[in-house]
Amino acid sequence: MPTAIVQQQGRRQAIADLLALHSIQRQAELVRLLRAQGHDATQSSVSRDLRYLGAAKLRNGYSLPESRIANNEETLELVAEFVRDIRQAGPNLLVITTAIGAAQRVALMLDRISWPEVVGTVSGDDTIFVATTSTASQRRLGARLRDALKITAI
């Protein structure tokens, strides 16, 4: 039988994984998902774990700090299913169209991966504007996103 520390570490890793994959609005929802995975979880244990992990409650649900998210293409795979289209718009701007309500989640991942081509993002409900440092950066970023998100044309 695993010790309490091992259970706690497993639950915290599961919380990090769930927050990376899902938009979770309430601790009760997180408790339910953890229990479905076989973890011993209560609202108070989840509250302590979220505090330990440095999670913040944002408008779109709980979010972990950047240091808890990998800075590579695998991170983008978590949001790939939401991206519908990527288009160039002028010399230093990409426009990414997403499923309704998913733009902020995708933009947050783009901000967190800290690619040098990305100056910043602005997101609405289903559209993201991505500012790049130059036309060459725009093309490079488009290619990187196309590869990471498995989009066939830009």
N, C-alpha and C. Protein backbone atom coordinates (compact mmCIF):
# COMPACT_ATOMS: atom_id res chain seq x y z
N MET A 1 0.85 -1.18 0.00
CA MET A 1 0.00 0.00 0.00
C MET A 1 0.89 1.24 0.00
N PRO A 2 0.61 2.20 -0.91
CA PRO A 2 1.45 3.40 -0.98
C PRO A 2 1.31 4.27 0.26
N THR A 3 2.39 4.94 0.61
CA THR A 3 2.36 5.83 1.76
C THR A 3 1.58 7.10 1.41
N ALA A 4 1.25 7.87 2.45
CA ALA A 4 0.50 9.11 2.25
C ALA A 4 1.28 10.08 1.36
N ILE A 5 2.60 10.11 1.50
CA ILE A 5 3.43 11.01 0.69
C ILE A 5 3.38 10.60 -0.78
N VAL A 6 3.46 9.32 -1.05
CA VAL A 6 3.40 8.82 -2.42
C VAL A 6 2.03 9.12 -3.02
N GLN A 7 0.97 8.91 -2.24
CA GLN A 7 -0.38 9.23 -2.71
C GLN A 7 -0.51 10.72 -3.03
N GLN A 8 0.03 11.55 -2.14
CA GLN A 8 -0.05 12.99 -2.32
C GLN A 8 0.70 13.41 -3.59
N GLN A 9 1.90 12.87 -3.81
CA GLN A 9 2.67 13.21 -5.00
C GLN A 9 1.94 12.76 -6.27
N GLY A 10 1.36 11.58 -6.23
CA GLY A 10 0.60 11.09 -7.38
C GLY A 10 -0.61 11.95 -7.67
N ARG A 11 -1.30 12.37 -6.61
CA ARG A 11 -2.48 13.23 -6.77
C ARG A 11 -2.07 14.58 -7.33
N ARG A 12 -0.95 15.13 -6.86
CA ARG A 12 -0.50 16.43 -7.35
C ARG A 12 -0.10 16.35 -8.82
N GLN A 13 0.54 15.28 -9.22
CA GLN A 13 0.89 15.11 -10.63
C GLN A 13 -0.37 14.98 -11.47
N ALA A 14 -1.34 14.24 -10.96
CA ALA A 14 -2.61 14.09 -11.68
C ALA A 14 -3.32 15.43 -11.81
N ILE A 15 -3.26 16.26 -10.77
CA ILE A 15 -3.87 17.60 -10.84
C ILE A 15 -3.18 18.42 -11.92
N ALA A 16 -1.87 18.40 -11.95
CA ALA A 16 -1.13 19.15 -12.97
C ALA A 16 -1.52 18.67 -14.37
N ASP A 17 -1.62 17.37 -14.55
CA ASP A 17 -2.00 16.81 -15.85
C ASP A 17 -3.42 17.23 -16.23
N LEU A 18 -4.34 17.15 -15.28
CA LEU A 18 -5.74 17.51 -15.55
C LEU A 18 -5.87 19.00 -15.90
N LEU A 19 -5.15 19.86 -15.18
CA LEU A 19 -5.23 21.29 -15.46
C LEU A 19 -4.64 21.63 -16.82
N ALA A 20 -3.65 20.86 -17.24
CA ALA A 20 -3.05 21.10 -18.57
C ALA A 20 -4.00 20.68 -19.68
N LEU A 21 -4.84 19.69 -19.41
CA LEU A 21 -5.72 19.14 -20.45
C LEU A 21 -7.13 19.71 -20.45
N HIS A 22 -7.61 20.18 -19.30
CA HIS A 22 -9.00 20.59 -19.18
C HIS A 22 -9.12 21.98 -18.57
N SER A 23 -10.20 22.64 -18.88
CA SER A 23 -10.55 23.88 -18.22
C SER A 23 -11.41 23.51 -17.01
N ILE A 24 -10.84 23.63 -15.84
CA ILE A 24 -11.54 23.20 -14.62
C ILE A 24 -11.89 24.44 -13.81
N GLN A 25 -13.19 24.63 -13.60
CA GLN A 25 -13.70 25.84 -12.96
C GLN A 25 -13.82 25.72 -11.44
N ARG A 26 -14.06 24.50 -10.94
CA ARG A 26 -14.33 24.34 -9.52
C ARG A 26 -13.52 23.18 -8.94
N GLN A 27 -13.20 23.29 -7.66
CA GLN A 27 -12.47 22.23 -6.99
C GLN A 27 -13.27 20.94 -6.94
N ALA A 28 -14.59 21.04 -6.82
CA ALA A 28 -15.43 19.84 -6.78
C ALA A 28 -15.29 19.05 -8.09
N GLU A 29 -15.17 19.76 -9.20
CA GLU A 29 -14.97 19.11 -10.49
C GLU A 29 -13.63 18.37 -10.51
N LEU A 30 -12.60 18.99 -9.94
CA LEU A 30 -11.28 18.37 -9.87
C LEU A 30 -11.31 17.14 -8.96
N VAL A 31 -12.01 17.22 -7.85
CA VAL A 31 -12.16 16.07 -6.94
C VAL A 31 -12.80 14.90 -7.68
N ARG A 32 -13.86 15.19 -8.43
CA ARG A 32 -14.56 14.13 -9.18
C ARG A 32 -13.64 13.47 -10.21
N LEU A 33 -12.88 14.28 -10.95
CA LEU A 33 -11.96 13.73 -11.96
C LEU A 33 -10.85 12.91 -11.32
N LEU A 34 -10.34 13.38 -10.19
CA LEU A 34 -9.28 12.64 -9.49
C LEU A 34 -9.80 11.31 -8.96
N ARG A 35 -10.97 11.32 -8.39
CA ARG A 35 -11.56 10.07 -7.88
C ARG A 35 -11.81 9.09 -9.01
N ALA A 36 -12.22 9.61 -10.18
CA ALA A 36 -12.44 8.74 -11.34
C ALA A 36 -11.15 8.07 -11.79
N GLN A 37 -10.01 8.73 -11.50
CA GLN A 37 -8.70 8.14 -11.83
C GLN A 37 -8.17 7.26 -10.71
N GLY A 38 -8.92 7.16 -9.62
CA GLY A 38 -8.51 6.29 -8.52
C GLY A 38 -7.72 6.98 -7.42
N HIS A 39 -7.68 8.29 -7.42
CA HIS A 39 -6.95 9.02 -6.38
C HIS A 39 -7.88 9.31 -5.21
N ASP A 40 -7.31 9.26 -4.02
CA ASP A 40 -8.03 9.64 -2.81
C ASP A 40 -8.01 11.16 -2.75
N ALA A 41 -9.17 11.79 -2.95
CA ALA A 41 -9.22 13.24 -3.01
C ALA A 41 -10.45 13.78 -2.30
N THR A 42 -10.23 14.86 -1.57
CA THR A 42 -11.32 15.61 -0.95
C THR A 42 -11.15 17.07 -1.36
N GLN A 43 -12.15 17.88 -1.10
CA GLN A 43 -12.03 19.30 -1.44
C GLN A 43 -10.86 19.93 -0.69
N SER A 44 -10.68 19.58 0.56
CA SER A 44 -9.60 20.20 1.34
C SER A 44 -8.22 19.72 0.86
N SER A 45 -8.09 18.44 0.48
CA SER A 45 -6.79 17.98 -0.02
C SER A 45 -6.47 18.62 -1.37
N VAL A 46 -7.49 18.77 -2.21
CA VAL A 46 -7.30 19.42 -3.51
C VAL A 46 -6.94 20.89 -3.32
N SER A 47 -7.58 21.55 -2.38
CA SER A 47 -7.27 22.95 -2.10
C SER A 47 -5.82 23.12 -1.68
N ARG A 48 -5.35 22.23 -0.79
CA ARG A 48 -3.94 22.28 -0.35
C ARG A 48 -3.00 21.99 -1.51
N ASP A 49 -3.36 21.01 -2.36
CA ASP A 49 -2.52 20.66 -3.50
C ASP A 49 -2.43 21.80 -4.50
N LEU A 50 -3.55 22.46 -4.77
CA LEU A 50 -3.55 23.60 -5.69
C LEU A 50 -2.66 24.71 -5.16
N ARG A 51 -2.75 24.96 -3.87
CA ARG A 51 -1.91 25.99 -3.24
C ARG A 51 -0.44 25.60 -3.35
N TYR A 52 -0.12 24.35 -3.08
CA TYR A 52 1.26 23.86 -3.18
C TYR A 52 1.79 24.00 -4.61
N LEU A 53 0.96 23.67 -5.60
CA LEU A 53 1.37 23.74 -7.01
C LEU A 53 1.44 25.18 -7.53
N GLY A 54 0.91 26.12 -6.78
CA GLY A 54 0.93 27.51 -7.21
C GLY A 54 -0.15 27.83 -8.23
N ALA A 55 -1.22 27.04 -8.24
CA ALA A 55 -2.30 27.24 -9.21
C ALA A 55 -3.04 28.53 -8.89
N ALA A 56 -3.48 29.18 -9.95
CA ALA A 56 -4.28 30.40 -9.81
C ALA A 56 -5.65 30.16 -10.42
N LYS A 57 -6.68 30.74 -9.82
CA LYS A 57 -8.02 30.63 -10.38
C LYS A 57 -8.23 31.83 -11.28
N LEU A 58 -8.33 31.55 -12.59
CA LEU A 58 -8.54 32.58 -13.59
C LEU A 58 -9.97 32.50 -14.09
N ARG A 59 -10.35 33.42 -14.96
CA ARG A 59 -11.71 33.41 -15.50
C ARG A 59 -12.02 32.11 -16.21
N ASN A 60 -11.03 31.52 -16.85
CA ASN A 60 -11.25 30.28 -17.61
C ASN A 60 -10.97 29.03 -16.79
N GLY A 61 -10.77 29.16 -15.50
CA GLY A 61 -10.51 28.01 -14.66
C GLY A 61 -9.15 28.08 -14.01
N TYR A 62 -8.77 27.02 -13.34
CA TYR A 62 -7.49 26.98 -12.65
C TYR A 62 -6.35 26.86 -13.66
N SER A 63 -5.23 27.49 -13.34
CA SER A 63 -4.07 27.47 -14.21
C SER A 63 -2.81 27.35 -13.37
N LEU A 64 -1.84 26.58 -13.87
CA LEU A 64 -0.56 26.43 -13.19
C LEU A 64 0.40 27.50 -13.67
N PRO A 65 1.40 27.84 -12.85
CA PRO A 65 2.40 28.81 -13.30
C PRO A 65 3.20 28.24 -14.46
N GLU A 66 3.85 29.14 -15.22
CA GLU A 66 4.60 28.75 -16.41
C GLU A 66 5.60 27.65 -16.14
N SER A 67 6.26 27.67 -15.00
CA SER A 67 7.30 26.69 -14.72
C SER A 67 6.77 25.26 -14.68
N ARG A 68 5.47 25.09 -14.54
CA ARG A 68 4.87 23.76 -14.50
C ARG A 68 4.49 23.25 -15.88
N ILE A 69 4.67 24.09 -16.94
CA ILE A 69 4.29 23.71 -18.29
C ILE A 69 5.55 23.58 -19.12
N ALA A 70 5.68 22.50 -19.87
CA ALA A 70 6.86 22.29 -20.72
C ALA A 70 6.89 23.34 -21.82
N ASN A 71 8.09 23.79 -22.18
CA ASN A 71 8.24 24.81 -23.21
C ASN A 71 8.61 24.17 -24.54
N ASN A 72 7.74 23.39 -25.11
CA ASN A 72 8.03 22.76 -26.39
C ASN A 72 6.75 22.45 -27.15
N GLU A 73 6.93 21.84 -28.30
CA GLU A 73 5.79 21.54 -29.15
C GLU A 73 4.78 20.61 -28.50
N GLU A 74 5.20 19.77 -27.59
CA GLU A 74 4.28 18.86 -26.91
C GLU A 74 3.20 19.65 -26.15
N THR A 75 3.56 20.83 -25.65
CA THR A 75 2.60 21.67 -24.96
C THR A 75 1.47 22.07 -25.89
N LEU A 76 1.81 22.41 -27.14
CA LEU A 76 0.78 22.82 -28.09
C LEU A 76 -0.14 21.68 -28.47
N GLU A 77 0.33 20.45 -28.38
CA GLU A 77 -0.53 19.32 -28.68
C GLU A 77 -1.75 19.28 -27.76
N LEU A 78 -1.62 19.89 -26.58
CA LEU A 78 -2.73 19.91 -25.63
C LEU A 78 -3.89 20.76 -26.14
N VAL A 79 -3.61 21.71 -27.03
CA VAL A 79 -4.66 22.60 -27.53
C VAL A 79 -4.89 22.45 -29.03
N ALA A 80 -4.19 21.54 -29.67
CA ALA A 80 -4.27 21.38 -31.13
C ALA A 80 -5.69 21.14 -31.61
N GLU A 81 -6.47 20.41 -30.87
CA GLU A 81 -7.83 20.07 -31.31
C GLU A 81 -8.73 21.30 -31.43
N PHE A 82 -8.33 22.43 -30.80
CA PHE A 82 -9.15 23.63 -30.82
C PHE A 82 -8.84 24.56 -31.99
N VAL A 83 -7.67 24.38 -32.63
CA VAL A 83 -7.25 25.29 -33.70
C VAL A 83 -7.91 24.88 -35.01
N ARG A 84 -8.52 25.87 -35.66
CA ARG A 84 -9.22 25.64 -36.93
C ARG A 84 -8.44 26.14 -38.14
N ASP A 85 -7.72 27.28 -38.00
CA ASP A 85 -7.05 27.87 -39.14
C ASP A 85 -5.95 28.82 -38.66
N ILE A 86 -4.92 28.96 -39.48
CA ILE A 86 -3.84 29.91 -39.22
C ILE A 86 -3.60 30.66 -40.52
N ARG A 87 -3.66 32.01 -40.46
CA ARG A 87 -3.47 32.81 -41.66
C ARG A 87 -2.52 33.97 -41.39
N GLN A 88 -1.77 34.36 -42.42
CA GLN A 88 -0.94 35.55 -42.33
C GLN A 88 -1.82 36.78 -42.53
N ALA A 89 -1.51 37.83 -41.79
CA ALA A 89 -2.25 39.08 -41.91
C ALA A 89 -1.25 40.22 -41.80
N GLY A 90 -0.73 40.65 -42.92
CA GLY A 90 0.30 41.69 -42.91
C GLY A 90 1.66 41.09 -42.62
N PRO A 91 2.67 41.93 -42.52
CA PRO A 91 4.04 41.42 -42.42
C PRO A 91 4.42 40.85 -41.06
N ASN A 92 3.74 41.22 -39.99
CA ASN A 92 4.16 40.79 -38.66
C ASN A 92 3.00 40.24 -37.83
N LEU A 93 2.01 39.66 -38.48
CA LEU A 93 0.82 39.23 -37.74
C LEU A 93 0.28 37.93 -38.29
N LEU A 94 0.02 36.99 -37.38
CA LEU A 94 -0.70 35.76 -37.72
C LEU A 94 -2.06 35.83 -37.05
N VAL A 95 -3.07 35.30 -37.72
CA VAL A 95 -4.40 35.21 -37.14
C VAL A 95 -4.73 33.73 -37.01
N ILE A 96 -5.02 33.31 -35.80
CA ILE A 96 -5.37 31.92 -35.52
C ILE A 96 -6.84 31.87 -35.16
N THR A 97 -7.60 31.04 -35.87
CA THR A 97 -9.01 30.84 -35.57
C THR A 97 -9.15 29.54 -34.79
N THR A 98 -9.94 29.58 -33.73
CA THR A 98 -10.12 28.41 -32.87
C THR A 98 -11.60 28.06 -32.76
N ALA A 99 -11.86 26.97 -32.09
CA ALA A 99 -13.24 26.64 -31.73
C ALA A 99 -13.77 27.74 -30.81
N ILE A 100 -15.06 27.92 -30.80
CA ILE A 100 -15.66 28.97 -29.98
C ILE A 100 -15.29 28.75 -28.51
N GLY A 101 -14.80 29.82 -27.89
CA GLY A 101 -14.44 29.78 -26.47
C GLY A 101 -13.04 29.27 -26.18
N ALA A 102 -12.26 28.88 -27.20
CA ALA A 102 -10.95 28.27 -26.97
C ALA A 102 -9.77 29.20 -27.22
N ALA A 103 -10.01 30.39 -27.73
CA ALA A 103 -8.90 31.27 -28.11
C ALA A 103 -8.00 31.62 -26.93
N GLN A 104 -8.57 31.91 -25.78
CA GLN A 104 -7.74 32.29 -24.64
C GLN A 104 -6.84 31.16 -24.19
N ARG A 105 -7.36 29.95 -24.22
CA ARG A 105 -6.56 28.79 -23.82
C ARG A 105 -5.38 28.58 -24.78
N VAL A 106 -5.64 28.70 -26.08
CA VAL A 106 -4.58 28.52 -27.08
C VAL A 106 -3.56 29.66 -26.97
N ALA A 107 -4.04 30.90 -26.81
CA ALA A 107 -3.14 32.05 -26.68
C ALA A 107 -2.26 31.91 -25.44
N LEU A 108 -2.82 31.43 -24.35
CA LEU A 108 -2.05 31.24 -23.12
C LEU A 108 -0.91 30.24 -23.36
N MET A 109 -1.18 29.16 -24.07
CA MET A 109 -0.13 28.20 -24.38
C MET A 109 0.95 28.83 -25.26
N LEU A 110 0.53 29.63 -26.24
CA LEU A 110 1.52 30.31 -27.10
C LEU A 110 2.38 31.26 -26.27
N ASP A 111 1.78 31.96 -25.34
CA ASP A 111 2.55 32.85 -24.48
C ASP A 111 3.51 32.07 -23.58
N ARG A 112 3.05 30.95 -23.08
CA ARG A 112 3.86 30.17 -22.13
C ARG A 112 5.03 29.44 -22.77
N ILE A 113 4.93 29.09 -24.04
CA ILE A 113 6.05 28.36 -24.64
C ILE A 113 7.21 29.28 -24.98
N SER A 114 6.97 30.58 -24.97
CA SER A 114 8.03 31.58 -25.10
C SER A 114 8.92 31.39 -26.32
N TRP A 115 8.34 31.17 -27.48
CA TRP A 115 9.12 31.11 -28.70
C TRP A 115 9.60 32.51 -29.05
N PRO A 116 10.83 32.64 -29.55
CA PRO A 116 11.37 33.98 -29.82
C PRO A 116 10.62 34.74 -30.91
N GLU A 117 9.92 34.05 -31.79
CA GLU A 117 9.18 34.73 -32.86
C GLU A 117 7.96 35.48 -32.34
N VAL A 118 7.44 35.07 -31.21
CA VAL A 118 6.20 35.64 -30.68
C VAL A 118 6.50 36.86 -29.81
N VAL A 119 6.00 38.02 -30.25
CA VAL A 119 6.11 39.23 -29.45
C VAL A 119 5.00 39.24 -28.41
N GLY A 120 3.80 38.83 -28.83
CA GLY A 120 2.67 38.79 -27.91
C GLY A 120 1.42 38.30 -28.61
N THR A 121 0.40 38.03 -27.82
CA THR A 121 -0.87 37.56 -28.36
C THR A 121 -2.01 38.39 -27.79
N VAL A 122 -3.07 38.50 -28.59
CA VAL A 122 -4.32 39.10 -28.13
C VAL A 122 -5.41 38.13 -28.56
N SER A 123 -6.25 37.73 -27.61
CA SER A 123 -7.27 36.75 -27.96
C SER A 123 -8.66 37.25 -27.63
N GLY A 124 -9.58 36.79 -28.44
CA GLY A 124 -11.00 37.03 -28.19
C GLY A 124 -11.64 35.72 -27.84
N ASP A 125 -12.81 35.46 -28.37
CA ASP A 125 -13.53 34.24 -28.09
C ASP A 125 -13.06 33.09 -28.98
N ASP A 126 -12.86 33.38 -30.27
CA ASP A 126 -12.44 32.33 -31.19
C ASP A 126 -11.36 32.79 -32.16
N THR A 127 -10.70 33.91 -31.85
CA THR A 127 -9.66 34.45 -32.72
C THR A 127 -8.48 34.94 -31.89
N ILE A 128 -7.28 34.67 -32.39
CA ILE A 128 -6.05 35.13 -31.74
C ILE A 128 -5.22 35.90 -32.75
N PHE A 129 -4.73 37.08 -32.35
CA PHE A 129 -3.75 37.81 -33.13
C PHE A 129 -2.40 37.55 -32.49
N VAL A 130 -1.45 37.07 -33.29
CA VAL A 130 -0.11 36.80 -32.80
C VAL A 130 0.85 37.76 -33.50
N ALA A 131 1.44 38.69 -32.74
CA ALA A 131 2.42 39.62 -33.28
C ALA A 131 3.78 38.94 -33.31
N THR A 132 4.48 39.11 -34.43
CA THR A 132 5.82 38.54 -34.59
C THR A 132 6.84 39.65 -34.77
N THR A 133 8.11 39.32 -34.65
CA THR A 133 9.17 40.32 -34.70
C THR A 133 9.49 40.78 -36.12
N SER A 134 9.17 39.98 -37.13
CA SER A 134 9.47 40.34 -38.52
C SER A 134 8.69 39.43 -39.46
N THR A 135 8.79 39.73 -40.74
CA THR A 135 8.14 38.87 -41.74
C THR A 135 8.75 37.47 -41.72
N ALA A 136 10.08 37.41 -41.59
CA ALA A 136 10.75 36.10 -41.52
C ALA A 136 10.30 35.33 -40.28
N SER A 137 10.15 36.02 -39.18
CA SER A 137 9.67 35.37 -37.94
C SER A 137 8.24 34.88 -38.12
N GLN A 138 7.44 35.67 -38.84
CA GLN A 138 6.06 35.26 -39.09
C GLN A 138 6.03 33.95 -39.87
N ARG A 139 6.86 33.84 -40.91
CA ARG A 139 6.90 32.60 -41.70
C ARG A 139 7.41 31.43 -40.86
N ARG A 140 8.48 31.68 -40.07
CA ARG A 140 9.02 30.62 -39.20
C ARG A 140 7.98 30.16 -38.20
N LEU A 141 7.30 31.11 -37.57
CA LEU A 141 6.28 30.77 -36.57
C LEU A 141 5.15 30.00 -37.22
N GLY A 142 4.72 30.44 -38.40
CA GLY A 142 3.66 29.72 -39.11
C GLY A 142 4.04 28.27 -39.36
N ALA A 143 5.29 28.05 -39.78
CA ALA A 143 5.76 26.68 -40.03
C ALA A 143 5.82 25.87 -38.74
N ARG A 144 6.33 26.48 -37.67
CA ARG A 144 6.42 25.77 -36.38
C ARG A 144 5.03 25.40 -35.87
N LEU A 145 4.10 26.34 -35.97
CA LEU A 145 2.74 26.07 -35.52
C LEU A 145 2.08 24.99 -36.37
N ARG A 146 2.29 25.08 -37.68
CA ARG A 146 1.70 24.08 -38.59
C ARG A 146 2.22 22.69 -38.22
N ASP A 147 3.52 22.57 -37.94
CA ASP A 147 4.09 21.28 -37.56
C ASP A 147 3.55 20.81 -36.19
N ALA A 148 3.60 21.70 -35.21
CA ALA A 148 3.19 21.32 -33.86
C ALA A 148 1.70 21.01 -33.76
N LEU A 149 0.88 21.76 -34.52
CA LEU A 149 -0.57 21.60 -34.44
C LEU A 149 -1.11 20.67 -35.52
N LYS A 150 -0.21 20.23 -36.41
CA LYS A 150 -0.58 19.32 -37.49
C LYS A 150 -1.65 19.94 -38.39
N ILE A 151 -1.43 21.20 -38.77
CA ILE A 151 -2.31 21.92 -39.69
C ILE A 151 -1.65 21.82 -41.07
N THR A 152 -2.41 21.48 -42.09
CA THR A 152 -1.83 21.22 -43.40
C THR A 152 -1.50 22.46 -44.20
N ALA A 153 -2.21 23.55 -44.05
CA ALA A 153 -1.91 24.75 -44.83
C ALA A 153 -1.98 25.98 -43.97
N ILE A 154 -1.18 26.97 -44.35
CA ILE A 154 -1.20 28.23 -43.61
C ILE A 154 -1.46 29.37 -44.56
